[in-house]
Structures are given as structure tokens and as C-alpha cells.
PDB file of N, CA and C in Angstrom:
ATOM      1  N   MET A   1      78.949  96.191  73.331  1.00  0.00           N
ATOM      2  CA  MET A   1      79.803  96.393  74.535  1.00  0.00           C
ATOM      3  C   MET A   1      79.308  95.761  75.700  1.00  0.00           C
ATOM      4  N   ASN A   2      80.048  95.150  76.678  1.00  0.00           N
ATOM      5  CA  ASN A   2      79.687  94.403  77.755  1.00  0.00           C
ATOM      6  C   ASN A   2      78.974  95.438  78.687  1.00  0.00           C
ATOM      7  N   LYS A   3      77.914  94.911  79.451  1.00  0.00           N
ATOM      8  CA  LYS A   3      77.309  95.666  80.463  1.00  0.00           C
ATOM      9  C   LYS A   3      78.082  96.128  81.613  1.00  0.00           C
ATOM     10  N   LYS A   4      79.062  95.134  82.033  1.00  0.00           N
ATOM     11  CA  LYS A   4      79.887  95.517  83.115  1.00  0.00           C
ATOM     12  C   LYS A   4      80.923  96.644  82.730  1.00  0.00           C
ATOM     13  N   LEU A   5      81.312  96.626  81.510  1.00  0.00           N
ATOM     14  CA  LEU A   5      82.268  97.599  81.043  1.00  0.00           C
ATOM     15  C   LEU A   5      81.738  98.894  80.946  1.00  0.00           C
ATOM     16  N   LYS A   6      80.379  98.927  80.503  1.00  0.00           N
ATOM     17  CA  LYS A   6      79.720 100.194  80.335  1.00  0.00           C
ATOM     18  C   LYS A   6      79.506 100.783  81.832  1.00  0.00           C
ATOM     19  N   ALA A   7      79.135  99.963  82.704  1.00  0.00           N
ATOM     20  CA  ALA A   7      78.793 100.335  84.115  1.00  0.00           C
ATOM     21  C   ALA A   7      80.154 100.942  84.723  1.00  0.00           C
ATOM     22  N   LEU A   8      81.314 100.282  84.494  1.00  0.00           N
ATOM     23  CA  LEU A   8      82.575 100.616  84.954  1.00  0.00           C
ATOM     24  C   LEU A   8      82.920 101.973  84.338  1.00  0.00           C
ATOM     25  N   GLY A   9      82.761 102.148  83.066  1.00  0.00           N
ATOM     26  CA  GLY A   9      83.062 103.416  82.413  1.00  0.00           C
ATOM     27  C   GLY A   9      82.184 104.538  83.012  1.00  0.00           C
ATOM     28  N   LEU A  10      80.917 104.248  83.244  1.00  0.00           N
ATOM     29  CA  LEU A  10      79.998 105.291  83.843  1.00  0.00           C
ATOM     30  C   LEU A  10      80.524 105.625  85.212  1.00  0.00           C
ATOM     31  N   LEU A  11      80.952 104.703  86.030  1.00  0.00           N
ATOM     32  CA  LEU A  11      81.366 104.912  87.316  1.00  0.00           C
ATOM     33  C   LEU A  11      82.624 105.857  87.302  1.00  0.00           C
ATOM     34  N   VAL A  12      83.588 105.404  86.463  1.00  0.00           N
ATOM     35  CA  VAL A  12      84.854 106.327  86.290  1.00  0.00           C
ATOM     36  C   VAL A  12      84.498 107.713  85.862  1.00  0.00           C
ATOM     37  N   PHE A  13      83.486 107.791  84.894  1.00  0.00           N
ATOM     38  CA  PHE A  13      83.079 109.222  84.454  1.00  0.00           C
ATOM     39  C   PHE A  13      82.540 109.964  85.636  1.00  0.00           C
ATOM     40  N   PHE A  14      81.670 109.420  86.366  1.00  0.00           N
ATOM     41  CA  PHE A  14      81.081 110.222  87.427  1.00  0.00           C
ATOM     42  C   PHE A  14      82.080 110.530  88.568  1.00  0.00           C
ATOM     43  N   ALA A  15      83.067 109.551  88.786  1.00  0.00           N
ATOM     44  CA  ALA A  15      84.166 109.859  89.899  1.00  0.00           C
ATOM     45  C   ALA A  15      84.922 111.010  89.251  1.00  0.00           C
ATOM     46  N   LEU A  16      85.291 111.111  88.086  1.00  0.00           N
ATOM     47  CA  LEU A  16      86.072 112.074  87.566  1.00  0.00           C
ATOM     48  C   LEU A  16      85.303 113.482  87.560  1.00  0.00           C
ATOM     49  N   VAL A  17      84.066 113.571  87.286  1.00  0.00           N
ATOM     50  CA  VAL A  17      83.188 114.595  87.416  1.00  0.00           C
ATOM     51  C   VAL A  17      83.127 115.135  88.815  1.00  0.00           C
ATOM     52  N   ALA A  18      82.975 114.213  89.822  1.00  0.00           N
ATOM     53  CA  ALA A  18      82.788 114.642  91.164  1.00  0.00           C
ATOM     54  C   ALA A  18      84.083 115.175  91.667  1.00  0.00           C
ATOM     55  N   ALA A  19      85.349 114.676  91.165  1.00  0.00           N
ATOM     56  CA  ALA A  19      86.563 115.096  91.598  1.00  0.00           C
ATOM     57  C   ALA A  19      87.119 116.411  90.893  1.00  0.00           C
ATOM     58  N   ALA A  20      86.395 116.790  89.948  1.00  0.00           N
ATOM     59  CA  ALA A  20      86.896 118.004  89.094  1.00  0.00           C
ATOM     60  C   ALA A  20      87.078 119.272  90.049  1.00  0.00           C
ATOM     61  N   PRO A  21      86.161 119.637  90.891  1.00  0.00           N
ATOM     62  CA  PRO A  21      86.391 120.765  91.709  1.00  0.00           C
ATOM     63  C   PRO A  21      87.516 120.724  92.648  1.00  0.00           C
ATOM     64  N   VAL A  22      87.881 119.445  93.092  1.00  0.00           N
ATOM     65  CA  VAL A  22      88.950 119.283  93.935  1.00  0.00           C
ATOM     66  C   VAL A  22      90.351 119.574  93.224  1.00  0.00           C
ATOM     67  N   LEU A  23      90.265 119.099  91.918  1.00  0.00           N
ATOM     68  CA  LEU A  23      91.464 119.229  91.153  1.00  0.00           C
ATOM     69  C   LEU A  23      91.624 120.588  90.398  1.00  0.00           C
ATOM     70  N   ALA A  24      90.665 121.504  90.851  1.00  0.00           N
ATOM     71  CA  ALA A  24      90.820 122.752  89.975  1.00  0.00           C
ATOM     72  C   ALA A  24      92.136 123.497  90.134  1.00  0.00           C
ATOM     73  N   GLN A  25      92.498 124.248  89.151  1.00  0.00           N
ATOM     74  CA  GLN A  25      93.850 124.855  89.204  1.00  0.00           C
ATOM     75  C   GLN A  25      93.869 125.983  90.222  1.00  0.00           C
ATOM     76  N   GLU A  26      95.036 125.926  90.903  1.00  0.00           N
ATOM     77  CA  GLU A  26      95.309 126.888  91.890  1.00  0.00           C
ATOM     78  C   GLU A  26      95.747 128.227  91.327  1.00  0.00           C
ATOM     79  N   ALA A  27      95.621 129.242  92.116  1.00  0.00           N
ATOM     80  CA  ALA A  27      96.051 130.655  91.690  1.00  0.00           C
ATOM     81  C   ALA A  27      97.481 130.665  91.375  1.00  0.00           C
ATOM     82  N   ALA A  28      97.928 131.431  90.406  1.00  0.00           N
ATOM     83  CA  ALA A  28      99.377 131.499  90.190  1.00  0.00           C
ATOM     84  C   ALA A  28     100.075 132.041  91.231  1.00  0.00           C
ATOM     85  N   GLY A  29     101.340 131.636  91.543  1.00  0.00           N
ATOM     86  CA  GLY A  29     102.110 132.092  92.518  1.00  0.00           C
ATOM     87  C   GLY A  29     101.729 131.557  93.903  1.00  0.00           C
ATOM     88  N   ALA A  30     101.186 130.373  93.939  1.00  0.00           N
ATOM     89  CA  ALA A  30     100.742 129.732  95.172  1.00  0.00           C
ATOM     90  C   ALA A  30     102.086 129.243  95.930  1.00  0.00           C
ATOM     91  N   GLY A  31     102.086 129.475  97.110  1.00  0.00           N
ATOM     92  CA  GLY A  31     103.276 129.136  98.078  1.00  0.00           C
ATOM     93  C   GLY A  31     103.214 127.630  98.347  1.00  0.00           C
ATOM     94  N   PRO A  32     104.205 127.256  99.158  1.00  0.00           N
ATOM     95  CA  PRO A  32     104.277 125.867  99.501  1.00  0.00           C
ATOM     96  C   PRO A  32     103.190 125.454 100.355  1.00  0.00           C
ATOM     97  N   SER A  33     102.429 126.224 101.128  1.00  0.00           N
ATOM     98  CA  SER A  33     101.242 125.872 101.900  1.00  0.00           C
ATOM     99  C   SER A  33     100.108 125.400 100.881  1.00  0.00           C
ATOM    100  N   GLU A  34     100.057 126.041  99.644  1.00  0.00           N
ATOM    101  CA  GLU A  34      98.948 125.745  98.692  1.00  0.00           C
ATOM    102  C   GLU A  34      99.422 124.364  98.134  1.00  0.00           C
ATOM    103  N   ALA A  35     100.737 124.011  97.890  1.00  0.00           N
ATOM    104  CA  ALA A  35     101.158 122.778  97.264  1.00  0.00           C
ATOM    105  C   ALA A  35     100.781 121.715  98.235  1.00  0.00           C
ATOM    106  N   LYS A  36     100.932 122.022  99.590  1.00  0.00           N
ATOM    107  CA  LYS A  36     100.563 120.951 100.731  1.00  0.00           C
ATOM    108  C   LYS A  36      99.129 120.689 100.690  1.00  0.00           C
ATOM    109  N   ALA A  37      98.426 121.752 100.549  1.00  0.00           N
ATOM    110  CA  ALA A  37      96.940 121.559 100.615  1.00  0.00           C
ATOM    111  C   ALA A  37      96.443 120.779  99.323  1.00  0.00           C
ATOM    112  N   SER A  38      97.166 120.989  98.174  1.00  0.00           N
ATOM    113  CA  SER A  38      96.804 120.253  97.003  1.00  0.00           C
ATOM    114  C   SER A  38      97.201 118.778  97.154  1.00  0.00           C
ATOM    115  N   LEU A  39      98.226 118.449  97.731  1.00  0.00           N
ATOM    116  CA  LEU A  39      98.733 117.006  98.071  1.00  0.00           C
ATOM    117  C   LEU A  39      97.756 116.470  99.001  1.00  0.00           C
ATOM    118  N   TYR A  40      97.163 117.095  99.941  1.00  0.00           N
ATOM    119  CA  TYR A  40      96.237 116.662 100.878  1.00  0.00           C
ATOM    120  C   TYR A  40      94.928 116.279 100.147  1.00  0.00           C
ATOM    121  N   LYS A  41      94.555 117.069  99.284  1.00  0.00           N
ATOM    122  CA  LYS A  41      93.294 116.840  98.499  1.00  0.00           C
ATOM    123  C   LYS A  41      93.568 115.706  97.654  1.00  0.00           C
ATOM    124  N   LEU A  42      94.665 115.541  97.093  1.00  0.00           N
ATOM    125  CA  LEU A  42      94.895 114.298  96.222  1.00  0.00           C
ATOM    126  C   LEU A  42      94.897 113.068  97.129  1.00  0.00           C
ATOM    127  N   SER A  43      95.427 113.048  98.272  1.00  0.00           N
ATOM    128  CA  SER A  43      95.393 112.009  99.239  1.00  0.00           C
ATOM    129  C   SER A  43      93.994 111.680  99.495  1.00  0.00           C
ATOM    130  N   ILE A  44      93.136 112.522  99.722  1.00  0.00           N
ATOM    131  CA  ILE A  44      91.727 112.342 100.008  1.00  0.00           C
ATOM    132  C   ILE A  44      91.031 111.647  98.805  1.00  0.00           C
ATOM    133  N   ILE A  45      91.380 112.018  97.546  1.00  0.00           N
ATOM    134  CA  ILE A  45      90.933 111.352  96.350  1.00  0.00           C
ATOM    135  C   ILE A  45      91.405 109.880  96.422  1.00  0.00           C
ATOM    136  N   VAL A  46      92.631 109.599  96.665  1.00  0.00           N
ATOM    137  CA  VAL A  46      93.199 108.301  96.570  1.00  0.00           C
ATOM    138  C   VAL A  46      92.632 107.404  97.668  1.00  0.00           C
ATOM    139  N   GLY A  47      92.426 108.044  98.909  1.00  0.00           N
ATOM    140  CA  GLY A  47      91.776 107.197  99.940  1.00  0.00           C
ATOM    141  C   GLY A  47      90.392 106.895  99.661  1.00  0.00           C
ATOM    142  N   GLY A  48      89.642 107.817  99.027  1.00  0.00           N
ATOM    143  CA  GLY A  48      88.275 107.471  98.617  1.00  0.00           C
ATOM    144  C   GLY A  48      88.289 106.383  97.523  1.00  0.00           C
ATOM    145  N   ALA A  49      89.163 106.412  96.611  1.00  0.00           N
ATOM    146  CA  ALA A  49      89.242 105.446  95.537  1.00  0.00           C
ATOM    147  C   ALA A  49      89.554 104.160  96.171  1.00  0.00           C
ATOM    148  N   ILE A  50      90.429 103.958  97.117  1.00  0.00           N
ATOM    149  CA  ILE A  50      90.859 102.709  97.776  1.00  0.00           C
ATOM    150  C   ILE A  50      89.690 102.151  98.435  1.00  0.00           C
ATOM    151  N   ILE A  51      88.969 102.848  99.318  1.00  0.00           N
ATOM    152  CA  ILE A  51      87.716 102.336  99.967  1.00  0.00           C
ATOM    153  C   ILE A  51      86.660 102.017  99.051  1.00  0.00           C
ATOM    154  N   THR A  52      86.514 102.851  97.999  1.00  0.00           N
ATOM    155  CA  THR A  52      85.457 102.483  97.042  1.00  0.00           C
ATOM    156  C   THR A  52      85.667 101.154  96.320  1.00  0.00           C
ATOM    157  N   LEU A  53      86.839 100.954  95.857  1.00  0.00           N
ATOM    158  CA  LEU A  53      87.172  99.688  95.070  1.00  0.00           C
ATOM    159  C   LEU A  53      87.096  98.523  96.013  1.00  0.00           C
ATOM    160  N   ALA A  54      87.497  98.684  97.181  1.00  0.00           N
ATOM    161  CA  ALA A  54      87.508  97.638  98.249  1.00  0.00           C
ATOM    162  C   ALA A  54      86.093  97.195  98.516  1.00  0.00           C
ATOM    163  N   ALA A  55      85.232  98.199  98.814  1.00  0.00           N
ATOM    164  CA  ALA A  55      83.816  97.932  99.022  1.00  0.00           C
ATOM    165  C   ALA A  55      83.043  97.311  97.800  1.00  0.00           C
ATOM    166  N   ALA A  56      83.364  97.737  96.623  1.00  0.00           N
ATOM    167  CA  ALA A  56      82.771  97.136  95.488  1.00  0.00           C
ATOM    168  C   ALA A  56      83.241  95.732  95.237  1.00  0.00           C
ATOM    169  N   ALA A  57      84.545  95.495  95.370  1.00  0.00           N
ATOM    170  CA  ALA A  57      85.059  94.064  95.217  1.00  0.00           C
ATOM    171  C   ALA A  57      84.541  93.253  96.308  1.00  0.00           C
ATOM    172  N   GLY A  58      84.396  93.722  97.473  1.00  0.00           N
ATOM    173  CA  GLY A  58      83.845  92.979  98.639  1.00  0.00           C
ATOM    174  C   GLY A  58      82.391  92.642  98.477  1.00  0.00           C
ATOM    175  N   ALA A  59      81.646  93.463  97.994  1.00  0.00           N
ATOM    176  CA  ALA A  59      80.221  93.348  97.776  1.00  0.00           C
ATOM    177  C   ALA A  59      80.028  92.248  96.562  1.00  0.00           C
ATOM    178  N   PHE A  60      80.868  92.343  95.558  1.00  0.00           N
ATOM    179  CA  PHE A  60      80.753  91.342  94.498  1.00  0.00           C
ATOM    180  C   PHE A  60      81.140  89.940  94.965  1.00  0.00           C
ATOM    181  N   CYS A  61      82.226  89.875  95.764  1.00  0.00           N
ATOM    182  CA  CYS A  61      82.602  88.541  96.316  1.00  0.00           C
ATOM    183  C   CYS A  61      81.626  87.953  97.242  1.00  0.00           C
ATOM    184  N   GLN A  62      80.978  88.879  98.006  1.00  0.00           N
ATOM    185  CA  GLN A  62      79.913  88.350  98.982  1.00  0.00           C
ATOM    186  C   GLN A  62      78.760  87.892  98.214  1.00  0.00           C
ATOM    187  N   ALA A  63      78.297  88.577  97.193  1.00  0.00           N
ATOM    188  CA  ALA A  63      77.121  88.182  96.411  1.00  0.00           C
ATOM    189  C   ALA A  63      77.519  86.807  95.644  1.00  0.00           C
ATOM    190  N   LYS A  64      78.603  86.727  95.220  1.00  0.00           N
ATOM    191  CA  LYS A  64      79.109  85.387  94.557  1.00  0.00           C
ATOM    192  C   LYS A  64      79.070  84.324  95.548  1.00  0.00           C
ATOM    193  N   ALA A  65      79.596  84.501  96.713  1.00  0.00           N
ATOM    194  CA  ALA A  65      79.610  83.483  97.830  1.00  0.00           C
ATOM    195  C   ALA A  65      78.279  83.037  98.312  1.00  0.00           C
ATOM    196  N   ILE A  66      77.342  84.092  98.486  1.00  0.00           N
ATOM    197  CA  ILE A  66      76.023  83.792  98.948  1.00  0.00           C
ATOM    198  C   ILE A  66      75.271  82.947  97.870  1.00  0.00           C
ATOM    199  N   SER A  67      75.441  83.377  96.515  1.00  0.00           N
ATOM    200  CA  SER A  67      74.774  82.680  95.429  1.00  0.00           C
ATOM    201  C   SER A  67      75.236  81.326  95.314  1.00  0.00           C
ATOM    202  N   SER A  68      76.632  81.024  95.542  1.00  0.00           N
ATOM    203  CA  SER A  68      77.186  79.673  95.478  1.00  0.00           C
ATOM    204  C   SER A  68      76.685  78.812  96.547  1.00  0.00           C
ATOM    205  N   ALA A  69      76.517  79.421  97.808  1.00  0.00           N
ATOM    206  CA  ALA A  69      76.148  78.611  98.995  1.00  0.00           C
ATOM    207  C   ALA A  69      74.604  78.270  98.756  1.00  0.00           C
ATOM    208  N   CYS A  70      73.715  79.219  98.347  1.00  0.00           N
ATOM    209  CA  CYS A  70      72.345  78.833  98.109  1.00  0.00           C
ATOM    210  C   CYS A  70      72.170  77.701  97.045  1.00  0.00           C
ATOM    211  N   GLU A  71      73.015  77.850  96.059  1.00  0.00           N
ATOM    212  CA  GLU A  71      73.041  76.739  95.052  1.00  0.00           C
ATOM    213  C   GLU A  71      73.487  75.365  95.536  1.00  0.00           C
ATOM    214  N   GLY A  72      74.477  75.404  96.412  1.00  0.00           N
ATOM    215  CA  GLY A  72      74.944  74.183  97.001  1.00  0.00           C
ATOM    216  C   GLY A  72      73.974  73.619  98.070  1.00  0.00           C
ATOM    217  N   ILE A  73      73.277  74.419  98.767  1.00  0.00           N
ATOM    218  CA  ILE A  73      72.343  73.954  99.654  1.00  0.00           C
ATOM    219  C   ILE A  73      71.204  73.395  98.978  1.00  0.00           C
ATOM    220  N   SER A  74      70.690  74.043  97.854  1.00  0.00           N
ATOM    221  CA  SER A  74      69.571  73.514  97.064  1.00  0.00           C
ATOM    222  C   SER A  74      69.819  72.185  96.460  1.00  0.00           C
ATOM    223  N   ARG A  75      71.254  71.921  96.136  1.00  0.00           N
ATOM    224  CA  ARG A  75      71.510  70.644  95.509  1.00  0.00           C
ATOM    225  C   ARG A  75      71.712  69.532  96.547  1.00  0.00           C
ATOM    226  N   ASN A  76      72.132  69.958  97.742  1.00  0.00           N
ATOM    227  CA  ASN A  76      72.423  69.040  98.779  1.00  0.00           C
ATOM    228  C   ASN A  76      71.858  69.557 100.045  1.00  0.00           C
ATOM    229  N   PRO A  77      70.687  69.427 100.409  1.00  0.00           N
ATOM    230  CA  PRO A  77      70.143  69.944 101.649  1.00  0.00           C
ATOM    231  C   PRO A  77      70.841  69.277 103.002  1.00  0.00           C
ATOM    232  N   GLY A  78      71.287  68.237 102.884  1.00  0.00           N
ATOM    233  CA  GLY A  78      71.977  67.493 103.989  1.00  0.00           C
ATOM    234  C   GLY A  78      73.191  68.196 104.423  1.00  0.00           C
ATOM    235  N   ALA A  79      73.774  68.830 103.438  1.00  0.00           N
ATOM    236  CA  ALA A  79      75.107  69.470 103.742  1.00  0.00           C
ATOM    237  C   ALA A  79      74.945  70.900 104.289  1.00  0.00           C
ATOM    238  N   ALA A  80      73.706  71.409 104.474  1.00  0.00           N
ATOM    239  CA  ALA A  80      73.369  72.814 104.744  1.00  0.00           C
ATOM    240  C   ALA A  80      74.118  73.300 105.895  1.00  0.00           C
ATOM    241  N   PRO A  81      74.364  72.533 107.047  1.00  0.00           N
ATOM    242  CA  PRO A  81      75.021  73.236 108.179  1.00  0.00           C
ATOM    243  C   PRO A  81      76.453  73.436 107.831  1.00  0.00           C
ATOM    244  N   HIS A  82      77.188  72.478 107.108  1.00  0.00           N
ATOM    245  CA  HIS A  82      78.567  72.665 106.782  1.00  0.00           C
ATOM    246  C   HIS A  82      78.691  73.859 105.801  1.00  0.00           C
ATOM    247  N   ILE A  83      77.835  73.789 104.853  1.00  0.00           N
ATOM    248  CA  ILE A  83      77.833  74.991 103.898  1.00  0.00           C
ATOM    249  C   ILE A  83      77.689  76.365 104.430  1.00  0.00           C
ATOM    250  N   ARG A  84      76.711  76.232 105.437  1.00  0.00           N
ATOM    251  CA  ARG A  84      76.290  77.657 106.105  1.00  0.00           C
ATOM    252  C   ARG A  84      77.494  78.041 106.920  1.00  0.00           C
ATOM    253  N   PHE A  85      78.204  77.065 107.640  1.00  0.00           N
ATOM    254  CA  PHE A  85      79.415  77.608 108.369  1.00  0.00           C
ATOM    255  C   PHE A  85      80.507  78.058 107.428  1.00  0.00           C
ATOM    256  N   LEU A  86      80.716  77.398 106.362  1.00  0.00           N
ATOM    257  CA  LEU A  86      81.800  77.918 105.476  1.00  0.00           C
ATOM    258  C   LEU A  86      81.355  79.192 104.820  1.00  0.00           C
ATOM    259  N   LEU A  87      80.091  79.426 104.576  1.00  0.00           N
ATOM    260  CA  LEU A  87      79.687  80.665 103.970  1.00  0.00           C
ATOM    261  C   LEU A  87      79.952  81.734 104.927  1.00  0.00           C
ATOM    262  N   LEU A  88      79.598  81.615 106.232  1.00  0.00           N
ATOM    263  CA  LEU A  88      79.706  82.686 107.210  1.00  0.00           C
ATOM    264  C   LEU A  88      81.229  82.955 107.397  1.00  0.00           C
ATOM    265  N   LEU A  89      82.048  81.962 107.481  1.00  0.00           N
ATOM    266  CA  LEU A  89      83.530  82.188 107.594  1.00  0.00           C
ATOM    267  C   LEU A  89      84.107  82.860 106.511  1.00  0.00           C
ATOM    268  N   GLY A  90      83.684  82.546 105.172  1.00  0.00           N
ATOM    269  CA  GLY A  90      83.999  83.315 104.077  1.00  0.00           C
ATOM    270  C   GLY A  90      83.665  84.669 104.107  1.00  0.00           C
ATOM    271  N   LEU A  91      82.387  84.923 104.385  1.00  0.00           N
ATOM    272  CA  LEU A  91      81.887  86.366 104.458  1.00  0.00           C
ATOM    273  C   LEU A  91      82.582  87.163 105.505  1.00  0.00           C
ATOM    274  N   ILE A  92      83.022  86.528 106.592  1.00  0.00           N
ATOM    275  CA  ILE A  92      83.749  87.265 107.588  1.00  0.00           C
ATOM    276  C   ILE A  92      85.110  87.641 107.126  1.00  0.00           C
ATOM    277  N   LEU A  93      85.698  86.748 106.475  1.00  0.00           N
ATOM    278  CA  LEU A  93      87.125  86.997 105.840  1.00  0.00           C
ATOM    279  C   LEU A  93      87.049  88.099 104.849  1.00  0.00           C
ATOM    280  N   ILE A  94      86.022  87.988 103.983  1.00  0.00           N
ATOM    281  CA  ILE A  94      85.824  89.064 102.885  1.00  0.00           C
ATOM    282  C   ILE A  94      85.543  90.434 103.551  1.00  0.00           C
ATOM    283  N   GLU A  95      84.812  90.477 104.557  1.00  0.00           N
ATOM    284  CA  GLU A  95      84.411  91.731 105.158  1.00  0.00           C
ATOM    285  C   GLU A  95      85.694  92.245 105.939  1.00  0.00           C
ATOM    286  N   THR A  96      86.421  91.361 106.367  1.00  0.00           N
ATOM    287  CA  THR A  96      87.716  91.745 107.022  1.00  0.00           C
ATOM    288  C   THR A  96      88.622  92.480 106.088  1.00  0.00           C
ATOM    289  N   LEU A  97      88.704  92.045 104.873  1.00  0.00           N
ATOM    290  CA  LEU A  97      89.570  92.738 103.913  1.00  0.00           C
ATOM    291  C   LEU A  97      89.119  94.111 103.565  1.00  0.00           C
ATOM    292  N   VAL A  98      87.783  94.150 103.541  1.00  0.00           N
ATOM    293  CA  VAL A  98      87.179  95.532 103.269  1.00  0.00           C
ATOM    294  C   VAL A  98      87.416  96.596 104.579  1.00  0.00           C
ATOM    295  N   ILE A  99      87.462  95.936 105.702  1.00  0.00           N
ATOM    296  CA  ILE A  99      87.749  96.752 106.897  1.00  0.00           C
ATOM    297  C   ILE A  99      89.294  97.089 106.930  1.00  0.00           C
ATOM    298  N   TYR A 100      90.150  96.227 106.459  1.00  0.00           N
ATOM    299  CA  TYR A 100      91.580  96.582 106.338  1.00  0.00           C
ATOM    300  C   TYR A 100      91.781  97.599 105.405  1.00  0.00           C
ATOM    301  N   ALA A 101      91.090  97.639 104.277  1.00  0.00           N
ATOM    302  CA  ALA A 101      91.199  98.760 103.286  1.00  0.00           C
ATOM    303  C   ALA A 101      90.728 100.074 103.937  1.00  0.00           C
ATOM    304  N   LEU A 102      89.679 100.009 104.680  1.00  0.00           N
ATOM    305  CA  LEU A 102      89.262 101.243 105.436  1.00  0.00           C
ATOM    306  C   LEU A 102      90.307 101.769 106.327  1.00  0.00           C
ATOM    307  N   LEU A 103      90.946 100.788 107.018  1.00  0.00           N
ATOM    308  CA  LEU A 103      92.129 101.243 107.936  1.00  0.00           C
ATOM    309  C   LEU A 103      93.280 101.816 107.121  1.00  0.00           C
ATOM    310  N   VAL A 104      93.634 101.288 105.945  1.00  0.00           N
ATOM    311  CA  VAL A 104      94.670 101.777 105.180  1.00  0.00           C
ATOM    312  C   VAL A 104      94.305 103.114 104.607  1.00  0.00           C
ATOM    313  N   THR A 105      93.082 103.321 104.365  1.00  0.00           N
ATOM    314  CA  THR A 105      92.624 104.768 103.888  1.00  0.00           C
ATOM    315  C   THR A 105      92.759 105.771 105.091  1.00  0.00           C
ATOM    316  N   PHE A 106      92.378 105.348 106.190  1.00  0.00           N
ATOM    317  CA  PHE A 106      92.529 106.223 107.379  1.00  0.00           C
ATOM    318  C   PHE A 106      94.025 106.564 107.637  1.00  0.00           C
ATOM    319  N   ILE A 107      94.783 105.576 107.521  1.00  0.00           N
ATOM    320  CA  ILE A 107      96.205 105.773 107.786  1.00  0.00           C
ATOM    321  C   ILE A 107      96.781 106.669 106.745  1.00  0.00           C
ATOM    322  N   ILE A 108      96.491 106.519 105.495  1.00  0.00           N
ATOM    323  CA  ILE A 108      96.979 107.346 104.406  1.00  0.00           C
ATOM    324  C   ILE A 108      96.592 108.752 104.724  1.00  0.00           C
ATOM    325  N   LEU A 109      95.352 109.003 105.163  1.00  0.00           N
ATOM    326  CA  LEU A 109      94.893 110.284 105.404  1.00  0.00           C
ATOM    327  C   LEU A 109      95.530 110.968 106.592  1.00  0.00           C
ATOM    328  N   MET A 110      95.674 110.188 107.611  1.00  0.00           N
ATOM    329  CA  MET A 110      96.239 110.627 108.897  1.00  0.00           C
ATOM    330  C   MET A 110      97.781 111.005 108.734  1.00  0.00           C
ATOM    331  N   VAL A 111      98.449 110.169 107.985  1.00  0.00           N
ATOM    332  CA  VAL A 111      99.898 110.545 107.564  1.00  0.00           C
ATOM    333  C   VAL A 111      99.974 111.810 106.907  1.00  0.00           C
ATOM    334  N   LYS A 112      99.124 111.859 105.829  1.00  0.00           N
ATOM    335  CA  LYS A 112      99.210 113.049 104.970  1.00  0.00           C
ATOM    336  C   LYS A 112      98.747 114.262 105.811  1.00  0.00           C
ATOM    337  N   TRP A 113      97.795 114.197 106.578  1.00  0.00           N
ATOM    338  CA  TRP A 113      97.255 115.229 107.400  1.00  0.00           C
ATOM    339  C   TRP A 113      98.323 115.764 108.273  1.00  0.00           C
ATOM    340  N   GLY A 114      98.969 114.786 109.064  1.00  0.00           N
ATOM    341  CA  GLY A 114     100.023 115.248 109.972  1.00  0.00           C
ATOM    342  C   GLY A 114     101.281 115.796 109.377  1.00  0.00           C
ATOM    343  N   GLN A 115     101.485 115.316 108.168  1.00  0.00           N
ATOM    344  CA  GLN A 115     102.701 115.739 107.490  1.00  0.00           C
ATOM    345  C   GLN A 115     102.563 117.082 106.744  1.00  0.00           C
ATOM    346  N   TYR A 116     101.358 117.350 106.213  1.00  0.00           N
ATOM    347  CA  TYR A 116     101.188 118.506 105.336  1.00  0.00           C
ATOM    348  C   TYR A 116     100.150 119.492 105.736  1.00  0.00           C
ATOM    349  N   ALA A 117      99.561 119.236 106.861  1.00  0.00           N
ATOM    350  CA  ALA A 117      98.579 120.215 107.342  1.00  0.00           C
ATOM    351  C   ALA A 117      99.152 121.397 108.108  1.00  0.00           C
TER     352      ALA A 117
END
């Protein structure tokens, strides 16, 4: 089995174990306020999943970009200023996407909180 697949399976397993108390069964006869609280808990899990996946993907892309830039500079030291500029521009754009995911997560949580709290 592939190492990345094993690591992903382990990550999913621990995420489910960590989320188990949040998803515990509510008492019988719970009213609408309990359903709203349950929906809010679910939105917290979804928001956490969004930012976790965005941060993991961003970190992977940044590592790949840095590795490629170092390889390019080592092959052609004369092009180091151009490669360095493009590397920094790419890292800024990658990090911007992660920040957008964080904002989306906050928007999801604030909409759910205002609607159901």
C-alpha cells in the first residue's frame, strides 16, 4: 500500500475519532433548539475540514514550489533572481488561497451561528 494512502487513511481515522463526541446521539425528544445546536456542531466540523484540507494542500504546493525553485537555481545560478521572484510570487498566491479558505470557513460559521444560535 502506498505511504501517502496510509497517511491519508490514518488522518481520516483520527479525524473521525476526534469528531465522535460532537456527533454523539442526542437525547430522545429533543426539541428544535437541539436540532439547531446539532446543525451548528456539524457546521463546525465542516469548517474545520475545509481549513484543514486547504492548509494541507497549500503546504504540499509550497513544498513542491520551493523544491523546484531550489533545483532550478542549482541548475542555472544565473537565473536565480528571476526564479526567486517567481517563487515568491507563487508562494504568495498559494498562501492567498489558504487565507480565502479560512475566510470561507469563518463565513460558514458566522452564517450558521447567526441563523441557528
